[in-house]
Every structure is written in C-alpha cells, then in structure tokens.
Amino acid sequence: MRYLTLLFTLLISTLCCAEDIIVLKDGEIIKSCVIEINQSEVKYKRVSNPNGPTYSIAKNDVLAITYSNGEKETFSK
C-alpha cells in the first residue's frame, strides 16, 4: 500500500507541473513550471526536470510569460 501511495504522489506531482514558457529580453525561451513571481524575481522549475532544483531569474530580464492555460503576462520597467 505504501508503494502505491508513493507512486500516486509522484504521478500527481509530475502532472501538476504544466508547461509555462518564459521569454527573456535577450530572446531566450525557457520551458518551465513557474512557481512564484515576486517583486524582484521569477522562480521556476525546468520542465525537463520537475523534481530538480528551483531556479530564479531577475524579473527585469523577463519579457513575458505564457502560461499553460494560454494566458500571457508581459513585464515592463
């Protein structure tokens, strides 16, 4: 039963992280799962490694974020 619960938890955590696209001002595109946006930075996990480290990038370097539901958020100074 414990193994089934562990497997279910891992499956759900992987499915919960949909693909968001971060576009940087220099043109770089990052496929990610955005975790948090605060006043100075954007925190995300890479889609290729959803259980890996949480990355952060300065909000000033981000041009736009397109979320998995199609909503787009743009950032300006």
PDB file of N, CA and C in Angstrom:
ATOM      1  N   MET A   1       0.823  -1.196   0.000  1.00  0.00           N
ATOM      2  CA  MET A   1       0.000   0.000   0.000  1.00  0.00           C
ATOM      3  C   MET A   1       0.869   1.263   0.000  1.00  0.00           C
ATOM      4  N   ARG A   2       1.986   1.212   0.721  1.00  0.00           N
ATOM      5  CA  ARG A   2       2.873   2.373   0.769  1.00  0.00           C
ATOM      6  C   ARG A   2       3.454   2.681  -0.608  1.00  0.00           C
ATOM      7  N   TYR A   3       3.797   1.635  -1.344  1.00  0.00           N
ATOM      8  CA  TYR A   3       4.360   1.838  -2.681  1.00  0.00           C
ATOM      9  C   TYR A   3       3.334   2.454  -3.622  1.00  0.00           C
ATOM     10  N   LEU A   4       2.095   2.037  -3.486  1.00  0.00           N
ATOM     11  CA  LEU A   4       1.018   2.582  -4.311  1.00  0.00           C
ATOM     12  C   LEU A   4       0.807   4.061  -3.990  1.00  0.00           C
ATOM     13  N   THR A   5       0.850   4.423  -2.742  1.00  0.00           N
ATOM     14  CA  THR A   5       0.705   5.821  -2.335  1.00  0.00           C
ATOM     15  C   THR A   5       1.868   6.654  -2.851  1.00  0.00           C
ATOM     16  N   LEU A   6       3.080   6.151  -2.755  1.00  0.00           N
ATOM     17  CA  LEU A   6       4.250   6.848  -3.257  1.00  0.00           C
ATOM     18  C   LEU A   6       4.167   7.046  -4.770  1.00  0.00           C
ATOM     19  N   LEU A   7       3.791   6.004  -5.487  1.00  0.00           N
ATOM     20  CA  LEU A   7       3.652   6.084  -6.935  1.00  0.00           C
ATOM     21  C   LEU A   7       2.589   7.105  -7.325  1.00  0.00           C
ATOM     22  N   PHE A   8       1.474   7.100  -6.645  1.00  0.00           N
ATOM     23  CA  PHE A   8       0.394   8.053  -6.914  1.00  0.00           C
ATOM     24  C   PHE A   8       0.856   9.492  -6.655  1.00  0.00           C
ATOM     25  N   THR A   9       1.565   9.711  -5.583  1.00  0.00           N
ATOM     26  CA  THR A   9       2.071  11.045  -5.245  1.00  0.00           C
ATOM     27  C   THR A   9       3.052  11.541  -6.302  1.00  0.00           C
ATOM     28  N   LEU A  10       3.949  10.693  -6.736  1.00  0.00           N
ATOM     29  CA  LEU A  10       4.909  11.082  -7.770  1.00  0.00           C
ATOM     30  C   LEU A  10       4.212  11.373  -9.090  1.00  0.00           C
ATOM     31  N   LEU A  11       3.219  10.598  -9.430  1.00  0.00           N
ATOM     32  CA  LEU A  11       2.478  10.806 -10.674  1.00  0.00           C
ATOM     33  C   LEU A  11       1.731  12.130 -10.647  1.00  0.00           C
ATOM     34  N   ILE A  12       1.071  12.423  -9.556  1.00  0.00           N
ATOM     35  CA  ILE A  12       0.317  13.675  -9.431  1.00  0.00           C
ATOM     36  C   ILE A  12       1.252  14.875  -9.446  1.00  0.00           C
ATOM     37  N   SER A  13       2.387  14.810  -8.766  1.00  0.00           N
ATOM     38  CA  SER A  13       3.311  15.944  -8.735  1.00  0.00           C
ATOM     39  C   SER A  13       3.883  16.225 -10.119  1.00  0.00           C
ATOM     40  N   THR A  14       4.079  15.192 -10.926  1.00  0.00           N
ATOM     41  CA  THR A  14       4.576  15.382 -12.282  1.00  0.00           C
ATOM     42  C   THR A  14       3.495  15.983 -13.173  1.00  0.00           C
ATOM     43  N   LEU A  15       2.269  15.561 -13.021  1.00  0.00           N
ATOM     44  CA  LEU A  15       1.180  16.073 -13.850  1.00  0.00           C
ATOM     45  C   LEU A  15       0.781  17.493 -13.483  1.00  0.00           C
ATOM     46  N   CYS A  16       1.001  17.893 -12.252  1.00  0.00           N
ATOM     47  CA  CYS A  16       0.611  19.227 -11.801  1.00  0.00           C
ATOM     48  C   CYS A  16       1.480  20.314 -12.425  1.00  0.00           C
ATOM     49  N   CYS A  17       2.636  19.972 -12.851  1.00  0.00           N
ATOM     50  CA  CYS A  17       3.546  20.956 -13.417  1.00  0.00           C
ATOM     51  C   CYS A  17       3.347  21.017 -14.920  1.00  0.00           C
ATOM     52  N   ALA A  18       2.478  21.903 -15.366  1.00  0.00           N
ATOM     53  CA  ALA A  18       2.248  22.071 -16.796  1.00  0.00           C
ATOM     54  C   ALA A  18       3.343  22.960 -17.375  1.00  0.00           C
ATOM     55  N   GLU A  19       3.376  23.065 -18.671  1.00  0.00           N
ATOM     56  CA  GLU A  19       4.457  23.799 -19.324  1.00  0.00           C
ATOM     57  C   GLU A  19       4.125  25.276 -19.485  1.00  0.00           C
ATOM     58  N   ASP A  20       4.895  26.120 -18.821  1.00  0.00           N
ATOM     59  CA  ASP A  20       4.839  27.568 -18.988  1.00  0.00           C
ATOM     60  C   ASP A  20       6.067  27.965 -19.809  1.00  0.00           C
ATOM     61  N   ILE A  21       5.947  29.029 -20.575  1.00  0.00           N
ATOM     62  CA  ILE A  21       7.058  29.472 -21.407  1.00  0.00           C
ATOM     63  C   ILE A  21       7.491  30.863 -20.949  1.00  0.00           C
ATOM     64  N   ILE A  22       8.746  30.965 -20.531  1.00  0.00           N
ATOM     65  CA  ILE A  22       9.325  32.244 -20.118  1.00  0.00           C
ATOM     66  C   ILE A  22      10.153  32.759 -21.284  1.00  0.00           C
ATOM     67  N   VAL A  23       9.862  33.985 -21.727  1.00  0.00           N
ATOM     68  CA  VAL A  23      10.627  34.617 -22.795  1.00  0.00           C
ATOM     69  C   VAL A  23      11.458  35.731 -22.174  1.00  0.00           C
ATOM     70  N   LEU A  24      12.775  35.627 -22.340  1.00  0.00           N
ATOM     71  CA  LEU A  24      13.673  36.632 -21.784  1.00  0.00           C
ATOM     72  C   LEU A  24      13.874  37.777 -22.777  1.00  0.00           C
ATOM     73  N   LYS A  25      14.338  38.899 -22.287  1.00  0.00           N
ATOM     74  CA  LYS A  25      14.548  40.074 -23.137  1.00  0.00           C
ATOM     75  C   LYS A  25      15.617  39.848 -24.197  1.00  0.00           C
ATOM     76  N   ASP A  26      16.535  38.914 -23.966  1.00  0.00           N
ATOM     77  CA  ASP A  26      17.563  38.621 -24.962  1.00  0.00           C
ATOM     78  C   ASP A  26      17.095  37.589 -25.994  1.00  0.00           C
ATOM     79  N   GLY A  27      15.835  37.162 -25.903  1.00  0.00           N
ATOM     80  CA  GLY A  27      15.260  36.240 -26.878  1.00  0.00           C
ATOM     81  C   GLY A  27      15.271  34.783 -26.462  1.00  0.00           C
ATOM     82  N   GLU A  28      15.925  34.452 -25.365  1.00  0.00           N
ATOM     83  CA  GLU A  28      15.976  33.068 -24.893  1.00  0.00           C
ATOM     84  C   GLU A  28      14.592  32.624 -24.425  1.00  0.00           C
ATOM     85  N   ILE A  29      14.248  31.380 -24.727  1.00  0.00           N
ATOM     86  CA  ILE A  29      12.965  30.802 -24.316  1.00  0.00           C
ATOM     87  C   ILE A  29      13.244  29.671 -23.336  1.00  0.00           C
ATOM     88  N   ILE A  30      12.552  29.698 -22.200  1.00  0.00           N
ATOM     89  CA  ILE A  30      12.723  28.675 -21.170  1.00  0.00           C
ATOM     90  C   ILE A  30      11.387  27.970 -20.970  1.00  0.00           C
ATOM     91  N   LYS A  31      11.363  26.652 -21.202  1.00  0.00           N
ATOM     92  CA  LYS A  31      10.174  25.852 -20.923  1.00  0.00           C
ATOM     93  C   LYS A  31      10.231  25.488 -19.450  1.00  0.00           C
ATOM     94  N   SER A  32       9.206  25.893 -18.716  1.00  0.00           N
ATOM     95  CA  SER A  32       9.295  25.792 -17.269  1.00  0.00           C
ATOM     96  C   SER A  32       7.936  25.571 -16.626  1.00  0.00           C
ATOM     97  N   CYS A  33       7.974  25.473 -15.323  1.00  0.00           N
ATOM     98  CA  CYS A  33       6.788  25.478 -14.485  1.00  0.00           C
ATOM     99  C   CYS A  33       7.014  26.607 -13.481  1.00  0.00           C
ATOM    100  N   VAL A  34       6.325  27.723 -13.679  1.00  0.00           N
ATOM    101  CA  VAL A  34       6.523  28.892 -12.818  1.00  0.00           C
ATOM    102  C   VAL A  34       5.964  28.582 -11.436  1.00  0.00           C
ATOM    103  N   ILE A  35       6.788  28.786 -10.437  1.00  0.00           N
ATOM    104  CA  ILE A  35       6.420  28.516  -9.051  1.00  0.00           C
ATOM    105  C   ILE A  35       5.923  29.784  -8.369  1.00  0.00           C
ATOM    106  N   GLU A  36       6.674  30.870  -8.551  1.00  0.00           N
ATOM    107  CA  GLU A  36       6.370  32.110  -7.829  1.00  0.00           C
ATOM    108  C   GLU A  36       6.921  33.304  -8.598  1.00  0.00           C
ATOM    109  N   ILE A  37       6.161  34.391  -8.555  1.00  0.00           N
ATOM    110  CA  ILE A  37       6.635  35.664  -9.092  1.00  0.00           C
ATOM    111  C   ILE A  37       6.507  36.681  -7.966  1.00  0.00           C
ATOM    112  N   ASN A  38       7.636  37.260  -7.572  1.00  0.00           N
ATOM    113  CA  ASN A  38       7.584  38.308  -6.556  1.00  0.00           C
ATOM    114  C   ASN A  38       8.087  39.613  -7.172  1.00  0.00           C
ATOM    115  N   GLN A  39       8.358  40.615  -6.378  1.00  0.00           N
ATOM    116  CA  GLN A  39       8.709  41.930  -6.912  1.00  0.00           C
ATOM    117  C   GLN A  39      10.031  41.960  -7.657  1.00  0.00           C
ATOM    118  N   SER A  40      10.949  41.077  -7.338  1.00  0.00           N
ATOM    119  CA  SER A  40      12.275  41.155  -7.954  1.00  0.00           C
ATOM    120  C   SER A  40      12.673  39.947  -8.795  1.00  0.00           C
ATOM    121  N   GLU A  41      11.990  38.799  -8.645  1.00  0.00           N
ATOM    122  CA  GLU A  41      12.423  37.617  -9.368  1.00  0.00           C
ATOM    123  C   GLU A  41      11.274  36.672  -9.706  1.00  0.00           C
ATOM    124  N   VAL A  42      11.564  35.788 -10.663  1.00  0.00           N
ATOM    125  CA  VAL A  42      10.641  34.736 -11.066  1.00  0.00           C
ATOM    126  C   VAL A  42      11.297  33.407 -10.692  1.00  0.00           C
ATOM    127  N   LYS A  43      10.581  32.583  -9.948  1.00  0.00           N
ATOM    128  CA  LYS A  43      11.100  31.270  -9.546  1.00  0.00           C
ATOM    129  C   LYS A  43      10.375  30.207 -10.356  1.00  0.00           C
ATOM    130  N   TYR A  44      11.161  29.237 -10.859  1.00  0.00           N
ATOM    131  CA  TYR A  44      10.578  28.219 -11.723  1.00  0.00           C
ATOM    132  C   TYR A  44      11.369  26.918 -11.633  1.00  0.00           C
ATOM    133  N   LYS A  45      10.750  25.857 -12.138  1.00  0.00           N
ATOM    134  CA  LYS A  45      11.422  24.570 -12.308  1.00  0.00           C
ATOM    135  C   LYS A  45      11.421  24.264 -13.794  1.00  0.00           C
ATOM    136  N   ARG A  46      12.445  23.618 -14.259  1.00  0.00           N
ATOM    137  CA  ARG A  46      12.520  23.249 -15.671  1.00  0.00           C
ATOM    138  C   ARG A  46      11.588  22.075 -15.941  1.00  0.00           C
ATOM    139  N   VAL A  47      10.920  22.119 -17.080  1.00  0.00           N
ATOM    140  CA  VAL A  47      10.003  21.044 -17.457  1.00  0.00           C
ATOM    141  C   VAL A  47      10.759  19.723 -17.594  1.00  0.00           C
ATOM    142  N   SER A  48      11.987  19.787 -18.063  1.00  0.00           N
ATOM    143  CA  SER A  48      12.776  18.572 -18.248  1.00  0.00           C
ATOM    144  C   SER A  48      13.184  17.911 -16.932  1.00  0.00           C
ATOM    145  N   ASN A  49      13.097  18.654 -15.822  1.00  0.00           N
ATOM    146  CA  ASN A  49      13.473  18.112 -14.519  1.00  0.00           C
ATOM    147  C   ASN A  49      12.565  18.702 -13.438  1.00  0.00           C
ATOM    148  N   PRO A  50      11.288  18.299 -13.404  1.00  0.00           N
ATOM    149  CA  PRO A  50      10.341  18.910 -12.463  1.00  0.00           C
ATOM    150  C   PRO A  50      10.640  18.639 -10.993  1.00  0.00           C
ATOM    151  N   ASN A  51      11.406  17.600 -10.699  1.00  0.00           N
ATOM    152  CA  ASN A  51      11.768  17.302  -9.311  1.00  0.00           C
ATOM    153  C   ASN A  51      13.138  17.855  -8.956  1.00  0.00           C
ATOM    154  N   GLY A  52      13.742  18.589  -9.881  1.00  0.00           N
ATOM    155  CA  GLY A  52      15.071  19.139  -9.677  1.00  0.00           C
ATOM    156  C   GLY A  52      15.037  20.452  -8.913  1.00  0.00           C
ATOM    157  N   PRO A  53      16.115  21.201  -9.021  1.00  0.00           N
ATOM    158  CA  PRO A  53      16.226  22.454  -8.261  1.00  0.00           C
ATOM    159  C   PRO A  53      15.255  23.526  -8.757  1.00  0.00           C
ATOM    160  N   THR A  54      14.974  24.468  -7.887  1.00  0.00           N
ATOM    161  CA  THR A  54      14.171  25.631  -8.253  1.00  0.00           C
ATOM    162  C   THR A  54      15.132  26.721  -8.706  1.00  0.00           C
ATOM    163  N   TYR A  55      14.901  27.221  -9.909  1.00  0.00           N
ATOM    164  CA  TYR A  55      15.741  28.272 -10.470  1.00  0.00           C
ATOM    165  C   TYR A  55      15.057  29.615 -10.256  1.00  0.00           C
ATOM    166  N   SER A  56      15.841  30.675 -10.272  1.00  0.00           N
ATOM    167  CA  SER A  56      15.274  32.021 -10.197  1.00  0.00           C
ATOM    168  C   SER A  56      15.996  32.913 -11.195  1.00  0.00           C
ATOM    169  N   ILE A  57      15.260  33.871 -11.714  1.00  0.00           N
ATOM    170  CA  ILE A  57      15.797  34.815 -12.680  1.00  0.00           C
ATOM    171  C   ILE A  57      15.241  36.185 -12.329  1.00  0.00           C
ATOM    172  N   ALA A  58      16.041  37.214 -12.544  1.00  0.00           N
ATOM    173  CA  ALA A  58      15.603  38.572 -12.231  1.00  0.00           C
ATOM    174  C   ALA A  58      14.388  38.927 -13.079  1.00  0.00           C
ATOM    175  N   LYS A  59      13.401  39.499 -12.455  1.00  0.00           N
ATOM    176  CA  LYS A  59      12.169  39.882 -13.147  1.00  0.00           C
ATOM    177  C   LYS A  59      12.462  40.899 -14.249  1.00  0.00           C
ATOM    178  N   ASN A  60      13.498  41.720 -14.077  1.00  0.00           N
ATOM    179  CA  ASN A  60      13.878  42.717 -15.078  1.00  0.00           C
ATOM    180  C   ASN A  60      14.365  42.076 -16.374  1.00  0.00           C
ATOM    181  N   ASP A  61      14.811  40.811 -16.317  1.00  0.00           N
ATOM    182  CA  ASP A  61      15.304  40.111 -17.503  1.00  0.00           C
ATOM    183  C   ASP A  61      14.193  39.408 -18.277  1.00  0.00           C
ATOM    184  N   VAL A  62      12.980  39.374 -17.713  1.00  0.00           N
ATOM    185  CA  VAL A  62      11.861  38.650 -18.324  1.00  0.00           C
ATOM    186  C   VAL A  62      11.012  39.593 -19.166  1.00  0.00           C
ATOM    187  N   LEU A  63      10.761  39.193 -20.406  1.00  0.00           N
ATOM    188  CA  LEU A  63       9.894  39.967 -21.291  1.00  0.00           C
ATOM    189  C   LEU A  63       8.442  39.554 -21.109  1.00  0.00           C
ATOM    190  N   ALA A  64       8.187  38.235 -21.105  1.00  0.00           N
ATOM    191  CA  ALA A  64       6.814  37.736 -20.989  1.00  0.00           C
ATOM    192  C   ALA A  64       6.813  36.295 -20.501  1.00  0.00           C
ATOM    193  N   ILE A  65       5.661  35.891 -19.958  1.00  0.00           N
ATOM    194  CA  ILE A  65       5.432  34.502 -19.571  1.00  0.00           C
ATOM    195  C   ILE A  65       4.103  34.089 -20.184  1.00  0.00           C
ATOM    196  N   THR A  66       4.114  32.970 -20.904  1.00  0.00           N
ATOM    197  CA  THR A  66       2.884  32.389 -21.422  1.00  0.00           C
ATOM    198  C   THR A  66       2.602  31.143 -20.589  1.00  0.00           C
ATOM    199  N   TYR A  67       1.455  31.150 -19.898  1.00  0.00           N
ATOM    200  CA  TYR A  67       1.101  30.052 -19.007  1.00  0.00           C
ATOM    201  C   TYR A  67       0.449  28.924 -19.794  1.00  0.00           C
ATOM    202  N   SER A  68       0.370  27.764 -19.193  1.00  0.00           N
ATOM    203  CA  SER A  68      -0.154  26.576 -19.857  1.00  0.00           C
ATOM    204  C   SER A  68      -1.618  26.725 -20.259  1.00  0.00           C
ATOM    205  N   ASN A  69      -2.357  27.610 -19.589  1.00  0.00           N
ATOM    206  CA  ASN A  69      -3.766  27.812 -19.929  1.00  0.00           C
ATOM    207  C   ASN A  69      -3.953  28.825 -21.059  1.00  0.00           C
ATOM    208  N   GLY A  70      -2.835  29.339 -21.609  1.00  0.00           N
ATOM    209  CA  GLY A  70      -2.899  30.281 -22.718  1.00  0.00           C
ATOM    210  C   GLY A  70      -2.805  31.740 -22.316  1.00  0.00           C
ATOM    211  N   GLU A  71      -2.910  32.011 -21.030  1.00  0.00           N
ATOM    212  CA  GLU A  71      -2.813  33.391 -20.533  1.00  0.00           C
ATOM    213  C   GLU A  71      -1.384  33.881 -20.684  1.00  0.00           C
ATOM    214  N   LYS A  72      -1.235  35.135 -21.084  1.00  0.00           N
ATOM    215  CA  LYS A  72       0.094  35.713 -21.272  1.00  0.00           C
ATOM    216  C   LYS A  72       0.251  36.922 -20.365  1.00  0.00           C
ATOM    217  N   GLU A  73       1.401  37.006 -19.716  1.00  0.00           N
ATOM    218  CA  GLU A  73       1.718  38.126 -18.830  1.00  0.00           C
ATOM    219  C   GLU A  73       3.001  38.773 -19.339  1.00  0.00           C
ATOM    220  N   THR A  74       2.962  40.081 -19.567  1.00  0.00           N
ATOM    221  CA  THR A  74       4.152  40.785 -20.025  1.00  0.00           C
ATOM    222  C   THR A  74       4.682  41.653 -18.905  1.00  0.00           C
ATOM    223  N   PHE A  75       5.986  41.882 -18.938  1.00  0.00           N
ATOM    224  CA  PHE A  75       6.641  42.660 -17.909  1.00  0.00           C
ATOM    225  C   PHE A  75       7.340  43.843 -18.550  1.00  0.00           C
ATOM    226  N   SER A  76       7.225  44.986 -17.937  1.00  0.00           N
ATOM    227  CA  SER A  76       7.925  46.188 -18.421  1.00  0.00           C
ATOM    228  C   SER A  76       8.492  46.927 -17.228  1.00  0.00           C
ATOM    229  N   LYS A  77       9.411  47.843 -17.494  1.00  0.00           N
ATOM    230  CA  LYS A  77      10.042  48.600 -16.392  1.00  0.00           C
ATOM    231  C   LYS A  77       9.079  49.578 -15.790  1.00  0.00           C
TER     232      LYS A  77
END
